[in-house]
Amino acid sequence: MTDTRKTALIVGASRTLGLALAAAYLRRGWDVIGTVRGSRHTGLHDLAEASGGRLTIESLEMTEPEQISALRDRLAQRTLDLLFVNAAITRGDIPIGEVPTDMFTEVMITNALSPMRVVESLRPLVAPTGTIGIMSSAQGSIALNTEGGQDLYRASKSALNQLMRSYAARNGEDTRTLLLMDPGWVRTELGGPDADLSVEESIPGVAETIEGHRGKPGLHFLDYQGQAVPW
């Protein structure tokens, strides 16, 4: 009998949002490939041990282009139904004029440039009816920025959104679904302890929204409840 299970590649799945998304897709009956940085043991390894072989782990430091290319080569015989990139860092709430150049470069490379390099490189592995998604943030919305703060993080997510929009325009005939996902303000190391949502409240909605837009080509900027986020 033909195996009809779908396959998701989740880049940045070692903890919190990425780990919860990997678990959500396992619960949906998918095969999952999750990436981690380095060789240390993570929650993803524990999840893999309990997955009955449906979760495999790949090592990827996505700020290193040669590692992205090597991952593409290792997965060359796989067909992905979902490629989802989950990665972001913040370096504190610093007014932009006080941000050191090396900090600016680090955050922009991690949050904006590297996710797009992953998308550009691994796109051929995604089925024509598949989905390519990136974890963005409502803080990347220019329209919603009425209070300021988190200047560098906001700018990096705005840059990510702009780059993804350029990618979508350049590939206007692509039949794949393209998603920028806002998970909400979640209690993680990045979101902080005062955030509105737990991971368990956010990620099921993220997965449901991703699946609800399967087969809808074009670029969509959505929150974890499936609502459009203003650009």
N, C-alpha and C. Protein backbone atom coordinates (compact mmCIF):
# COMPACT_ATOMS: atom_id res chain seq x y z
N MET A 1 0.84 -1.19 0.00
CA MET A 1 0.00 0.00 0.00
C MET A 1 0.88 1.25 0.00
N THR A 2 0.53 2.25 -0.77
CA THR A 2 1.29 3.47 -0.87
C THR A 2 1.20 4.28 0.42
N ASP A 3 2.35 4.78 0.88
CA ASP A 3 2.37 5.61 2.07
C ASP A 3 1.93 7.02 1.69
N THR A 4 0.83 7.47 2.24
CA THR A 4 0.29 8.78 1.89
C THR A 4 0.55 9.83 2.96
N ARG A 5 1.38 9.50 3.95
CA ARG A 5 1.67 10.47 5.00
C ARG A 5 2.40 11.67 4.42
N LYS A 6 2.04 12.83 4.91
CA LYS A 6 2.69 14.06 4.49
C LYS A 6 3.96 14.28 5.32
N THR A 7 4.84 15.12 4.79
CA THR A 7 6.11 15.40 5.44
C THR A 7 6.29 16.89 5.64
N ALA A 8 6.67 17.26 6.87
CA ALA A 8 6.97 18.65 7.21
C ALA A 8 8.43 18.77 7.60
N LEU A 9 9.09 19.81 7.11
CA LEU A 9 10.41 20.18 7.58
C LEU A 9 10.26 21.46 8.39
N ILE A 10 10.62 21.40 9.66
CA ILE A 10 10.52 22.55 10.55
C ILE A 10 11.93 22.96 10.94
N VAL A 11 12.34 24.10 10.45
CA VAL A 11 13.68 24.62 10.72
C VAL A 11 13.63 25.43 12.00
N GLY A 12 14.45 25.01 12.98
CA GLY A 12 14.44 25.66 14.29
C GLY A 12 13.41 25.02 15.19
N ALA A 13 13.59 23.73 15.48
CA ALA A 13 12.56 22.97 16.20
C ALA A 13 13.04 22.42 17.53
N SER A 14 14.11 22.96 18.07
CA SER A 14 14.69 22.37 19.27
C SER A 14 13.92 22.69 20.54
N ARG A 15 13.15 23.81 20.54
CA ARG A 15 12.48 24.21 21.78
C ARG A 15 11.29 25.11 21.47
N THR A 16 10.51 25.40 22.48
CA THR A 16 9.37 26.31 22.50
C THR A 16 8.52 26.21 21.23
N LEU A 17 8.42 27.28 20.45
CA LEU A 17 7.46 27.31 19.35
C LEU A 17 7.75 26.24 18.30
N GLY A 18 9.00 26.11 17.89
CA GLY A 18 9.35 25.13 16.87
C GLY A 18 9.12 23.71 17.34
N LEU A 19 9.48 23.43 18.59
CA LEU A 19 9.27 22.10 19.16
C LEU A 19 7.78 21.79 19.25
N ALA A 20 7.00 22.75 19.69
CA ALA A 20 5.55 22.54 19.79
C ALA A 20 4.93 22.33 18.42
N LEU A 21 5.45 23.02 17.40
CA LEU A 21 4.91 22.84 16.05
C LEU A 21 5.24 21.45 15.52
N ALA A 22 6.46 20.97 15.80
CA ALA A 22 6.81 19.61 15.40
C ALA A 22 5.87 18.60 16.06
N ALA A 23 5.60 18.78 17.36
CA ALA A 23 4.69 17.88 18.06
C ALA A 23 3.28 17.96 17.49
N ALA A 24 2.85 19.16 17.11
CA ALA A 24 1.51 19.32 16.54
C ALA A 24 1.37 18.55 15.24
N TYR A 25 2.40 18.56 14.42
CA TYR A 25 2.31 17.84 13.15
C TYR A 25 2.43 16.33 13.34
N LEU A 26 3.17 15.90 14.34
CA LEU A 26 3.17 14.47 14.66
C LEU A 26 1.78 14.02 15.07
N ARG A 27 1.09 14.83 15.87
CA ARG A 27 -0.27 14.49 16.28
C ARG A 27 -1.22 14.44 15.10
N ARG A 28 -0.90 15.19 14.07
CA ARG A 28 -1.73 15.18 12.86
C ARG A 28 -1.40 14.00 11.94
N GLY A 29 -0.45 13.18 12.33
CA GLY A 29 -0.12 11.99 11.55
C GLY A 29 0.94 12.20 10.49
N TRP A 30 1.63 13.33 10.53
CA TRP A 30 2.66 13.63 9.56
C TRP A 30 3.99 13.00 9.95
N ASP A 31 4.87 12.84 8.97
CA ASP A 31 6.29 12.64 9.23
C ASP A 31 6.91 14.02 9.37
N VAL A 32 7.84 14.15 10.30
CA VAL A 32 8.43 15.46 10.57
C VAL A 32 9.95 15.36 10.56
N ILE A 33 10.57 16.33 9.91
CA ILE A 33 12.01 16.53 9.99
C ILE A 33 12.21 17.84 10.73
N GLY A 34 12.96 17.80 11.82
CA GLY A 34 13.20 19.01 12.59
C GLY A 34 14.69 19.30 12.65
N THR A 35 15.05 20.57 12.61
CA THR A 35 16.47 20.92 12.67
C THR A 35 16.81 21.51 14.03
N VAL A 36 18.05 21.25 14.44
CA VAL A 36 18.61 21.81 15.67
C VAL A 36 19.98 22.37 15.34
N ARG A 37 20.44 23.26 16.20
CA ARG A 37 21.79 23.80 16.06
C ARG A 37 22.74 22.98 16.91
N GLY A 38 23.85 22.57 16.31
CA GLY A 38 24.87 21.86 17.07
C GLY A 38 24.46 20.43 17.39
N SER A 39 25.12 19.87 18.40
CA SER A 39 24.94 18.45 18.72
C SER A 39 24.38 18.20 20.11
N ARG A 40 23.99 19.25 20.82
CA ARG A 40 23.50 19.03 22.19
C ARG A 40 22.11 18.38 22.17
N HIS A 41 21.79 17.68 23.26
CA HIS A 41 20.50 17.04 23.40
C HIS A 41 19.43 18.10 23.67
N THR A 42 18.30 17.99 22.96
CA THR A 42 17.22 18.98 23.10
C THR A 42 15.89 18.26 23.31
N GLY A 43 14.87 19.05 23.53
CA GLY A 43 13.52 18.49 23.63
C GLY A 43 13.10 17.79 22.36
N LEU A 44 13.65 18.21 21.24
CA LEU A 44 13.30 17.54 19.97
C LEU A 44 13.82 16.11 19.96
N HIS A 45 14.97 15.87 20.57
CA HIS A 45 15.49 14.50 20.65
C HIS A 45 14.56 13.62 21.48
N ASP A 46 14.04 14.17 22.58
CA ASP A 46 13.09 13.40 23.38
C ASP A 46 11.83 13.10 22.58
N LEU A 47 11.36 14.08 21.82
CA LEU A 47 10.18 13.89 21.00
C LEU A 47 10.43 12.83 19.93
N ALA A 48 11.62 12.84 19.35
CA ALA A 48 11.96 11.86 18.32
C ALA A 48 11.96 10.45 18.88
N GLU A 49 12.47 10.30 20.10
CA GLU A 49 12.53 8.97 20.71
C GLU A 49 11.14 8.38 20.93
N ALA A 50 10.16 9.24 21.11
CA ALA A 50 8.79 8.78 21.35
C ALA A 50 7.92 8.76 20.09
N SER A 51 8.53 9.05 18.94
CA SER A 51 7.74 9.24 17.72
C SER A 51 7.57 7.99 16.87
N GLY A 52 8.21 6.89 17.26
CA GLY A 52 8.11 5.68 16.44
C GLY A 52 8.74 5.83 15.07
N GLY A 53 9.76 6.65 14.98
CA GLY A 53 10.48 6.82 13.72
C GLY A 53 9.89 7.87 12.80
N ARG A 54 8.84 8.55 13.22
CA ARG A 54 8.21 9.54 12.34
C ARG A 54 8.86 10.91 12.42
N LEU A 55 9.73 11.11 13.42
CA LEU A 55 10.47 12.37 13.53
C LEU A 55 11.96 12.09 13.40
N THR A 56 12.57 12.76 12.44
CA THR A 56 14.02 12.67 12.26
C THR A 56 14.62 14.06 12.49
N ILE A 57 15.88 14.06 12.91
CA ILE A 57 16.54 15.30 13.29
C ILE A 57 17.72 15.56 12.37
N GLU A 58 17.82 16.80 11.91
CA GLU A 58 18.94 17.26 11.11
C GLU A 58 19.61 18.42 11.83
N SER A 59 20.92 18.54 11.68
CA SER A 59 21.66 19.65 12.25
C SER A 59 21.75 20.78 11.24
N LEU A 60 21.45 22.01 11.69
CA LEU A 60 21.53 23.16 10.79
C LEU A 60 21.80 24.43 11.59
N GLU A 61 22.85 25.12 11.24
CA GLU A 61 23.05 26.51 11.67
C GLU A 61 22.72 27.35 10.44
N MET A 62 21.53 27.91 10.42
CA MET A 62 21.05 28.49 9.17
C MET A 62 21.71 29.82 8.82
N THR A 63 22.52 30.38 9.72
CA THR A 63 23.27 31.56 9.35
C THR A 63 24.52 31.21 8.55
N GLU A 64 24.75 29.92 8.34
CA GLU A 64 25.89 29.44 7.54
C GLU A 64 25.35 28.90 6.21
N PRO A 65 25.50 29.63 5.11
CA PRO A 65 24.91 29.21 3.83
C PRO A 65 25.32 27.81 3.38
N GLU A 66 26.57 27.43 3.68
CA GLU A 66 27.01 26.11 3.26
C GLU A 66 26.26 25.00 3.99
N GLN A 67 25.81 25.26 5.22
CA GLN A 67 25.02 24.26 5.94
C GLN A 67 23.61 24.14 5.33
N ILE A 68 23.07 25.24 4.85
CA ILE A 68 21.77 25.17 4.16
C ILE A 68 21.89 24.32 2.90
N SER A 69 22.95 24.54 2.13
CA SER A 69 23.16 23.76 0.91
C SER A 69 23.36 22.28 1.23
N ALA A 70 24.09 22.00 2.30
CA ALA A 70 24.32 20.61 2.68
C ALA A 70 23.02 19.94 3.10
N LEU A 71 22.16 20.67 3.82
CA LEU A 71 20.86 20.10 4.19
C LEU A 71 20.02 19.82 2.96
N ARG A 72 20.01 20.73 2.02
CA ARG A 72 19.27 20.51 0.77
C ARG A 72 19.76 19.24 0.07
N ASP A 73 21.07 19.05 0.04
CA ASP A 73 21.61 17.87 -0.61
C ASP A 73 21.22 16.59 0.13
N ARG A 74 21.23 16.65 1.46
CA ARG A 74 20.86 15.46 2.24
C ARG A 74 19.39 15.08 2.05
N LEU A 75 18.56 16.08 1.79
CA LEU A 75 17.12 15.83 1.66
C LEU A 75 16.67 15.78 0.20
N ALA A 76 17.62 15.68 -0.71
CA ALA A 76 17.31 15.81 -2.14
C ALA A 76 16.28 14.79 -2.63
N GLN A 77 16.19 13.64 -1.98
CA GLN A 77 15.25 12.61 -2.42
C GLN A 77 13.91 12.67 -1.68
N ARG A 78 13.74 13.68 -0.83
CA ARG A 78 12.49 13.83 -0.09
C ARG A 78 11.60 14.87 -0.76
N THR A 79 10.29 14.68 -0.63
CA THR A 79 9.32 15.69 -1.06
C THR A 79 8.64 16.24 0.17
N LEU A 80 8.67 17.54 0.32
CA LEU A 80 8.10 18.20 1.50
C LEU A 80 6.73 18.75 1.16
N ASP A 81 5.78 18.52 2.05
CA ASP A 81 4.47 19.14 1.93
C ASP A 81 4.43 20.47 2.67
N LEU A 82 5.33 20.63 3.64
CA LEU A 82 5.45 21.88 4.37
C LEU A 82 6.92 22.13 4.68
N LEU A 83 7.37 23.34 4.34
CA LEU A 83 8.65 23.86 4.81
C LEU A 83 8.32 25.05 5.69
N PHE A 84 8.69 24.97 6.96
CA PHE A 84 8.39 26.06 7.88
C PHE A 84 9.66 26.47 8.61
N VAL A 85 9.97 27.76 8.55
CA VAL A 85 11.19 28.29 9.16
C VAL A 85 10.82 29.06 10.42
N ASN A 86 11.33 28.59 11.54
CA ASN A 86 11.07 29.22 12.84
C ASN A 86 12.39 29.62 13.45
N ALA A 87 12.70 30.89 13.40
CA ALA A 87 13.96 31.34 13.99
C ALA A 87 13.91 32.83 14.22
N ALA A 88 14.32 33.27 15.38
CA ALA A 88 14.40 34.69 15.67
C ALA A 88 15.19 34.90 16.94
N ILE A 89 15.88 36.03 16.99
CA ILE A 89 16.57 36.44 18.21
C ILE A 89 16.22 37.90 18.49
N THR A 90 16.38 38.30 19.73
CA THR A 90 16.27 39.70 20.10
C THR A 90 17.42 40.01 21.03
N ARG A 91 17.83 41.24 21.02
CA ARG A 91 18.95 41.63 21.88
C ARG A 91 18.56 42.77 22.82
N GLY A 92 17.27 42.80 23.18
CA GLY A 92 16.82 43.77 24.16
C GLY A 92 16.16 44.98 23.52
N ASP A 93 15.50 45.76 24.37
CA ASP A 93 14.75 46.93 23.92
C ASP A 93 15.66 48.14 23.97
N ILE A 94 16.40 48.35 22.89
CA ILE A 94 17.40 49.42 22.82
C ILE A 94 16.99 50.40 21.72
N PRO A 95 16.97 51.70 22.00
CA PRO A 95 16.70 52.67 20.92
C PRO A 95 17.66 52.46 19.76
N ILE A 96 17.17 52.57 18.55
CA ILE A 96 17.95 52.18 17.38
C ILE A 96 19.26 52.94 17.28
N GLY A 97 19.29 54.19 17.74
CA GLY A 97 20.53 54.95 17.67
C GLY A 97 21.61 54.44 18.59
N GLU A 98 21.25 53.59 19.54
CA GLU A 98 22.22 53.04 20.49
C GLU A 98 22.61 51.60 20.16
N VAL A 99 22.04 51.05 19.11
CA VAL A 99 22.32 49.66 18.75
C VAL A 99 23.69 49.56 18.10
N PRO A 100 24.59 48.74 18.64
CA PRO A 100 25.90 48.55 18.00
C PRO A 100 25.76 47.92 16.62
N THR A 101 26.68 48.24 15.75
CA THR A 101 26.60 47.74 14.37
C THR A 101 26.62 46.23 14.32
N ASP A 102 27.46 45.59 15.14
CA ASP A 102 27.53 44.13 15.10
C ASP A 102 26.23 43.50 15.59
N MET A 103 25.54 44.13 16.54
CA MET A 103 24.25 43.62 17.00
C MET A 103 23.20 43.75 15.91
N PHE A 104 23.19 44.90 15.24
CA PHE A 104 22.26 45.11 14.13
C PHE A 104 22.46 44.04 13.07
N THR A 105 23.71 43.80 12.72
CA THR A 105 24.02 42.81 11.68
C THR A 105 23.58 41.41 12.11
N GLU A 106 23.87 41.05 13.36
CA GLU A 106 23.52 39.72 13.85
C GLU A 106 22.02 39.47 13.79
N VAL A 107 21.23 40.44 14.27
CA VAL A 107 19.78 40.26 14.31
C VAL A 107 19.21 40.23 12.90
N MET A 108 19.67 41.09 12.02
CA MET A 108 19.15 41.11 10.66
C MET A 108 19.50 39.84 9.90
N ILE A 109 20.70 39.34 10.09
CA ILE A 109 21.09 38.10 9.40
C ILE A 109 20.26 36.93 9.91
N THR A 110 20.07 36.86 11.23
CA THR A 110 19.33 35.73 11.81
C THR A 110 17.84 35.80 11.50
N ASN A 111 17.24 36.97 11.63
CA ASN A 111 15.79 37.09 11.56
C ASN A 111 15.25 37.32 10.16
N ALA A 112 16.05 37.89 9.27
CA ALA A 112 15.55 38.25 7.94
C ALA A 112 16.28 37.53 6.81
N LEU A 113 17.59 37.67 6.76
CA LEU A 113 18.34 37.10 5.64
C LEU A 113 18.36 35.58 5.65
N SER A 114 18.68 34.99 6.80
CA SER A 114 18.84 33.53 6.85
C SER A 114 17.55 32.76 6.56
N PRO A 115 16.38 33.17 7.10
CA PRO A 115 15.15 32.46 6.73
C PRO A 115 14.89 32.49 5.22
N MET A 116 15.19 33.61 4.57
CA MET A 116 14.96 33.69 3.14
C MET A 116 15.96 32.84 2.36
N ARG A 117 17.17 32.73 2.87
CA ARG A 117 18.13 31.82 2.23
C ARG A 117 17.63 30.38 2.30
N VAL A 118 17.04 30.01 3.44
CA VAL A 118 16.48 28.66 3.56
C VAL A 118 15.35 28.46 2.55
N VAL A 119 14.46 29.43 2.46
CA VAL A 119 13.33 29.33 1.52
C VAL A 119 13.84 29.21 0.10
N GLU A 120 14.76 30.08 -0.29
CA GLU A 120 15.26 30.06 -1.67
C GLU A 120 15.95 28.74 -1.99
N SER A 121 16.72 28.22 -1.04
CA SER A 121 17.50 27.01 -1.31
C SER A 121 16.65 25.75 -1.30
N LEU A 122 15.69 25.66 -0.36
CA LEU A 122 14.94 24.42 -0.19
C LEU A 122 13.61 24.40 -0.94
N ARG A 123 13.26 25.50 -1.57
CA ARG A 123 12.00 25.55 -2.32
C ARG A 123 11.81 24.38 -3.29
N PRO A 124 12.86 23.94 -4.03
CA PRO A 124 12.64 22.84 -4.97
C PRO A 124 12.18 21.54 -4.33
N LEU A 125 12.40 21.39 -3.02
CA LEU A 125 11.99 20.16 -2.34
C LEU A 125 10.51 20.17 -1.99
N VAL A 126 9.87 21.34 -2.04
CA VAL A 126 8.47 21.48 -1.63
C VAL A 126 7.56 21.13 -2.80
N ALA A 127 6.58 20.28 -2.55
CA ALA A 127 5.64 19.87 -3.59
C ALA A 127 4.94 21.09 -4.18
N PRO A 128 4.54 21.02 -5.46
CA PRO A 128 3.86 22.16 -6.10
C PRO A 128 2.60 22.59 -5.38
N THR A 129 1.98 21.67 -4.65
CA THR A 129 0.77 22.01 -3.88
C THR A 129 1.08 22.21 -2.40
N GLY A 130 2.36 22.29 -2.07
CA GLY A 130 2.77 22.40 -0.68
C GLY A 130 2.76 23.83 -0.16
N THR A 131 3.28 23.98 1.05
CA THR A 131 3.27 25.27 1.75
C THR A 131 4.68 25.62 2.20
N ILE A 132 5.02 26.89 2.03
CA ILE A 132 6.26 27.45 2.58
C ILE A 132 5.86 28.53 3.57
N GLY A 133 6.28 28.38 4.82
CA GLY A 133 5.91 29.34 5.85
C GLY A 133 7.10 29.80 6.66
N ILE A 134 6.99 31.00 7.21
CA ILE A 134 8.01 31.55 8.10
C ILE A 134 7.31 32.14 9.31
N MET A 135 7.91 31.96 10.49
CA MET A 135 7.37 32.58 11.68
C MET A 135 7.75 34.05 11.69
N SER A 136 6.78 34.91 11.53
CA SER A 136 6.99 36.34 11.58
C SER A 136 6.46 36.86 12.91
N SER A 137 5.93 38.07 12.91
CA SER A 137 5.41 38.66 14.13
C SER A 137 4.59 39.89 13.77
N ALA A 138 3.57 40.16 14.58
CA ALA A 138 2.82 41.41 14.40
C ALA A 138 3.72 42.61 14.63
N GLN A 139 4.83 42.42 15.33
CA GLN A 139 5.77 43.52 15.52
C GLN A 139 6.47 43.90 14.23
N GLY A 140 6.35 43.05 13.21
CA GLY A 140 6.87 43.41 11.91
C GLY A 140 5.91 44.25 11.09
N SER A 141 4.72 44.46 11.60
CA SER A 141 3.72 45.28 10.90
C SER A 141 4.02 46.76 11.09
N ILE A 142 4.21 47.47 9.99
CA ILE A 142 4.41 48.92 10.07
C ILE A 142 3.13 49.60 10.51
N ALA A 143 2.00 49.12 9.99
CA ALA A 143 0.71 49.74 10.31
C ALA A 143 0.37 49.64 11.80
N LEU A 144 0.79 48.56 12.45
CA LEU A 144 0.44 48.35 13.85
C LEU A 144 1.42 48.99 14.83
N ASN A 145 2.50 49.56 14.33
CA ASN A 145 3.52 50.11 15.22
C ASN A 145 3.11 51.52 15.65
N THR A 146 2.31 51.60 16.70
CA THR A 146 1.85 52.88 17.22
C THR A 146 2.50 53.24 18.55
N GLU A 147 3.27 52.32 19.12
CA GLU A 147 3.87 52.55 20.44
C GLU A 147 5.39 52.54 20.43
N GLY A 148 6.01 52.07 19.35
CA GLY A 148 7.46 51.99 19.31
C GLY A 148 7.98 50.90 20.22
N GLY A 149 9.28 50.97 20.50
CA GLY A 149 9.92 49.95 21.31
C GLY A 149 10.38 48.77 20.48
N GLN A 150 11.34 48.02 21.01
CA GLN A 150 11.90 46.85 20.32
C GLN A 150 12.27 47.20 18.88
N ASP A 151 12.98 48.33 18.73
CA ASP A 151 13.24 48.86 17.39
C ASP A 151 13.90 47.86 16.46
N LEU A 152 14.95 47.23 16.93
CA LEU A 152 15.72 46.34 16.06
C LEU A 152 14.93 45.08 15.72
N TYR A 153 14.28 44.50 16.72
CA TYR A 153 13.48 43.30 16.45
C TYR A 153 12.37 43.62 15.46
N ARG A 154 11.65 44.73 15.69
CA ARG A 154 10.59 45.13 14.77
C ARG A 154 11.14 45.29 13.35
N ALA A 155 12.27 45.97 13.24
CA ALA A 155 12.85 46.22 11.93
C ALA A 155 13.23 44.92 11.23
N SER A 156 13.74 43.96 12.00
CA SER A 156 14.15 42.69 11.39
C SER A 156 12.94 41.92 10.86
N LYS A 157 11.83 41.97 11.60
CA LYS A 157 10.63 41.27 11.15
C LYS A 157 9.97 42.01 9.98
N SER A 158 10.03 43.35 9.98
CA SER A 158 9.54 44.10 8.83
C SER A 158 10.37 43.76 7.58
N ALA A 159 11.70 43.66 7.77
CA ALA A 159 12.57 43.30 6.66
C ALA A 159 12.23 41.90 6.14
N LEU A 160 12.00 40.97 7.07
CA LEU A 160 11.62 39.61 6.68
C LEU A 160 10.33 39.64 5.85
N ASN A 161 9.33 40.39 6.33
CA ASN A 161 8.07 40.45 5.60
C ASN A 161 8.27 41.04 4.20
N GLN A 162 9.08 42.08 4.11
CA GLN A 162 9.33 42.70 2.81
C GLN A 162 10.05 41.74 1.87
N LEU A 163 11.03 41.03 2.40
CA LEU A 163 11.76 40.07 1.57
C LEU A 163 10.86 38.94 1.09
N MET A 164 9.98 38.47 1.97
CA MET A 164 9.05 37.41 1.57
C MET A 164 8.07 37.94 0.53
N ARG A 165 7.67 39.19 0.66
CA ARG A 165 6.77 39.77 -0.33
C ARG A 165 7.47 39.89 -1.68
N SER A 166 8.73 40.27 -1.67
CA SER A 166 9.50 40.32 -2.92
C SER A 166 9.64 38.93 -3.53
N TYR A 167 9.89 37.95 -2.67
CA TYR A 167 9.99 36.56 -3.14
C TYR A 167 8.69 36.13 -3.81
N ALA A 168 7.56 36.45 -3.18
CA ALA A 168 6.26 36.07 -3.74
C ALA A 168 6.02 36.76 -5.07
N ALA A 169 6.39 38.03 -5.18
CA ALA A 169 6.20 38.75 -6.43
C ALA A 169 7.08 38.19 -7.54
N ARG A 170 8.30 37.82 -7.18
CA ARG A 170 9.24 37.28 -8.16
C ARG A 170 8.81 35.90 -8.64
N ASN A 171 8.06 35.19 -7.81
CA ASN A 171 7.60 33.84 -8.16
C ASN A 171 6.08 33.82 -8.26
N GLY A 172 5.54 34.78 -8.98
CA GLY A 172 4.09 34.97 -9.04
C GLY A 172 3.32 33.81 -9.61
N GLU A 173 3.96 32.96 -10.40
CA GLU A 173 3.28 31.81 -11.01
C GLU A 173 3.35 30.56 -10.13
N ASP A 174 4.00 30.66 -8.99
CA ASP A 174 4.17 29.51 -8.10
C ASP A 174 2.82 29.09 -7.53
N THR A 175 2.56 27.80 -7.54
CA THR A 175 1.29 27.28 -7.02
C THR A 175 1.35 26.97 -5.54
N ARG A 176 2.51 27.14 -4.91
CA ARG A 176 2.62 26.86 -3.48
C ARG A 176 1.96 27.95 -2.65
N THR A 177 1.52 27.58 -1.46
CA THR A 177 1.02 28.55 -0.49
C THR A 177 2.20 29.16 0.25
N LEU A 178 2.19 30.46 0.41
CA LEU A 178 3.25 31.18 1.12
C LEU A 178 2.65 31.87 2.33
N LEU A 179 3.25 31.64 3.50
CA LEU A 179 2.68 32.16 4.74
C LEU A 179 3.73 32.88 5.58
N LEU A 180 3.34 34.03 6.10
CA LEU A 180 4.04 34.67 7.21
C LEU A 180 3.12 34.53 8.41
N MET A 181 3.59 33.88 9.48
CA MET A 181 2.73 33.58 10.62
C MET A 181 3.12 34.41 11.84
N ASP A 182 2.11 35.03 12.43
CA ASP A 182 2.27 35.71 13.72
C ASP A 182 1.70 34.79 14.80
N PRO A 183 2.54 34.27 15.69
CA PRO A 183 2.04 33.34 16.71
C PRO A 183 1.36 34.03 17.89
N GLY A 184 1.33 35.36 17.88
CA GLY A 184 0.86 36.10 19.04
C GLY A 184 2.01 36.37 20.00
N TRP A 185 1.70 37.07 21.08
CA TRP A 185 2.71 37.36 22.09
C TRP A 185 2.74 36.18 23.05
N VAL A 186 3.80 35.37 22.93
CA VAL A 186 3.86 34.07 23.59
C VAL A 186 4.93 34.09 24.68
N ARG A 187 4.63 33.41 25.79
CA ARG A 187 5.57 33.33 26.90
C ARG A 187 6.70 32.36 26.56
N THR A 188 7.73 32.90 25.94
CA THR A 188 8.95 32.16 25.63
C THR A 188 10.12 33.00 26.12
N GLU A 189 11.33 32.51 25.92
CA GLU A 189 12.51 33.30 26.27
C GLU A 189 12.50 34.63 25.53
N LEU A 190 12.05 34.61 24.28
CA LEU A 190 12.00 35.82 23.48
C LEU A 190 10.82 36.70 23.88
N GLY A 191 9.65 36.09 24.10
CA GLY A 191 8.45 36.86 24.41
C GLY A 191 8.39 37.37 25.83
N GLY A 192 9.10 36.70 26.74
CA GLY A 192 9.12 37.14 28.13
C GLY A 192 7.98 36.56 28.96
N PRO A 193 8.07 36.68 30.28
CA PRO A 193 7.10 36.05 31.19
C PRO A 193 5.75 36.75 31.24
N ASP A 194 5.67 37.97 30.75
CA ASP A 194 4.42 38.73 30.83
C ASP A 194 3.56 38.62 29.58
N ALA A 195 3.97 37.79 28.64
CA ALA A 195 3.23 37.66 27.38
C ALA A 195 1.84 37.09 27.61
N ASP A 196 0.95 37.35 26.65
CA ASP A 196 -0.45 36.98 26.78
C ASP A 196 -0.71 35.48 26.70
N LEU A 197 0.07 34.77 25.87
CA LEU A 197 -0.26 33.40 25.51
C LEU A 197 0.79 32.41 25.97
N SER A 198 0.36 31.20 26.29
CA SER A 198 1.28 30.09 26.46
C SER A 198 1.56 29.47 25.09
N VAL A 199 2.63 28.70 25.01
CA VAL A 199 2.92 27.98 23.77
C VAL A 199 1.75 27.07 23.40
N GLU A 200 1.15 26.46 24.42
CA GLU A 200 0.04 25.53 24.19
C GLU A 200 -1.21 26.23 23.68
N GLU A 201 -1.33 27.52 23.91
CA GLU A 201 -2.46 28.28 23.39
C GLU A 201 -2.19 28.78 21.98
N SER A 202 -0.94 29.03 21.66
CA SER A 202 -0.60 29.61 20.36
C SER A 202 -0.45 28.58 19.25
N ILE A 203 0.36 27.56 19.48
CA ILE A 203 0.80 26.70 18.38
C ILE A 203 -0.31 25.85 17.76
N PRO A 204 -1.26 25.32 18.51
CA PRO A 204 -2.36 24.62 17.82
C PRO A 204 -3.06 25.51 16.80
N GLY A 205 -3.22 26.79 17.13
CA GLY A 205 -3.83 27.72 16.19
C GLY A 205 -2.94 27.98 15.00
N VAL A 206 -1.63 28.06 15.22
CA VAL A 206 -0.70 28.22 14.10
C VAL A 206 -0.82 27.05 13.13
N ALA A 207 -0.79 25.82 13.67
CA ALA A 207 -0.90 24.64 12.82
C ALA A 207 -2.24 24.60 12.09
N GLU A 208 -3.31 24.94 12.79
CA GLU A 208 -4.64 24.93 12.17
C GLU A 208 -4.72 25.97 11.05
N THR A 209 -4.12 27.12 11.26
CA THR A 209 -4.12 28.16 10.23
C THR A 209 -3.30 27.74 9.02
N ILE A 210 -2.14 27.15 9.26
CA ILE A 210 -1.33 26.66 8.15
C ILE A 210 -2.12 25.67 7.31
N GLU A 211 -2.75 24.72 7.98
CA GLU A 211 -3.49 23.69 7.24
C GLU A 211 -4.75 24.26 6.60
N GLY A 212 -5.35 25.26 7.22
CA GLY A 212 -6.54 25.87 6.65
C GLY A 212 -6.27 26.63 5.36
N HIS A 213 -5.01 26.99 5.14
CA HIS A 213 -4.66 27.72 3.91
C HIS A 213 -3.94 26.84 2.90
N ARG A 214 -3.88 25.55 3.19
CA ARG A 214 -3.28 24.64 2.21
C ARG A 214 -4.05 24.72 0.90
N GLY A 215 -3.30 24.80 -0.21
CA GLY A 215 -3.94 24.86 -1.52
C GLY A 215 -4.40 26.24 -1.93
N LYS A 216 -4.01 27.27 -1.15
CA LYS A 216 -4.38 28.65 -1.50
C LYS A 216 -3.10 29.39 -1.88
N PRO A 217 -2.76 29.42 -3.16
CA PRO A 217 -1.49 30.04 -3.58
C PRO A 217 -1.44 31.52 -3.23
N GLY A 218 -0.23 32.03 -3.27
CA GLY A 218 -0.02 33.43 -2.95
C GLY A 218 0.45 33.61 -1.52
N LEU A 219 0.79 34.85 -1.17
CA LEU A 219 1.35 35.16 0.13
C LEU A 219 0.27 35.67 1.08
N HIS A 220 0.26 35.12 2.30
CA HIS A 220 -0.71 35.49 3.33
C HIS A 220 0.05 35.80 4.62
N PHE A 221 -0.29 36.94 5.25
CA PHE A 221 0.28 37.32 6.55
C PHE A 221 -0.84 37.16 7.57
N LEU A 222 -0.72 36.14 8.43
CA LEU A 222 -1.83 35.71 9.29
C LEU A 222 -1.38 35.54 10.73
N ASP A 223 -2.34 35.68 11.66
CA ASP A 223 -2.03 35.39 13.04
C ASP A 223 -2.46 33.96 13.39
N TYR A 224 -2.23 33.59 14.64
CA TYR A 224 -2.48 32.21 15.06
C TYR A 224 -3.97 31.86 15.08
N GLN A 225 -4.82 32.86 14.94
CA GLN A 225 -6.26 32.62 14.86
C GLN A 225 -6.78 32.66 13.42
N GLY A 226 -5.85 32.78 12.48
CA GLY A 226 -6.24 32.78 11.08
C GLY A 226 -6.67 34.14 10.54
N GLN A 227 -6.47 35.19 11.33
CA GLN A 227 -6.85 36.53 10.90
C GLN A 227 -5.70 37.22 10.18
N ALA A 228 -6.03 38.01 9.15
CA ALA A 228 -5.00 38.73 8.41
C ALA A 228 -4.36 39.78 9.31
N VAL A 229 -3.03 39.90 9.21
CA VAL A 229 -2.29 40.92 9.95
C VAL A 229 -1.98 42.06 9.00
N PRO A 230 -2.25 43.31 9.38
CA PRO A 230 -1.93 44.44 8.50
C PRO A 230 -0.42 44.51 8.23
N TRP A 231 -0.10 44.90 7.03
CA TRP A 231 1.32 45.03 6.67
C TRP A 231 1.93 46.29 7.28
